């Protein structure tokens, strides 16, 4: 049987490999395939007759967003069961263990709760209506300084940028719309990016921090190296670029939602847990436990 690039297949005896995608047309002797449960494999066709799959059986979030190229870091694909195993070796109690709460969960939950005290929708709207922009930026910076998620130099860039004339108004209005506006997320996110660029504070950490802490059920925080690392381990294309843009954030949200579903046996509560999982799954990179 001939196999063509893009075909979705399964191995007849390796059920644990899951669905795979043919990466290049078969040459009659062998075929290269990416399996979600095993990564890239080159199979000799004289030894195996792969089963082509169609329709719903062929659908998989990783294959639909497959990243084939590898970065200079040398990161190799790691199956999700392997990642879960590595995570549980770090945190035997999983997301609900004392160690995970101490190292990863509690301080982010505290920041989330304080965020709603300082910048909850009703209070934030009152401050906007009262033109209390200085108070809003003061509260936003307090929230930024509450955790170590944003690098110190990036915190300073935001603080310095907000000292410019009129910056507190532009930032406050854009942040309110980002968090609570009625327009599509793409336009709200893009408007917030524009303001950060004007402040010389356009970094992924700053751009995604407030959405993540205020709405952790649906939004993800991007720490570039770690997010890229996790995506490469999972073979998921996040279209990363250093310059802030909607496509990257949209792709990271898709990746995050995939992980949330894929690790459902661990019972993640929200994207706080998923972000910590990303941070922890790469052997040799996590220093927090």
Foldseek 3Di string as FASTA:
>chain_A
DKDAFQWKWDFPPCPQQAIWGFHHTDPQQWTWIQGLRPGIDIDGVVVTDIGTDDDPSRDDQCSVQFADDDDPVPAAADHPVLLVVQQCVVPVLFCPGPLCCVQFNVLLLVLLVLCCVQCNLVVLVVCLVVVVLVSNVVSVLVSVVSDPQDPPVLSVLQVQLCVDPPLSNQQSVLVSCCQPNDDDNQVSLVSNQVSCVSSVNNFQQVSQVSCCSNPQQQAARDPDVLLVSLCNNSRGHQVDDGGDHDSNRVSSSSVLVSQCVVVCVSPDPGNSSSNVSSQRRDPPRDDRD
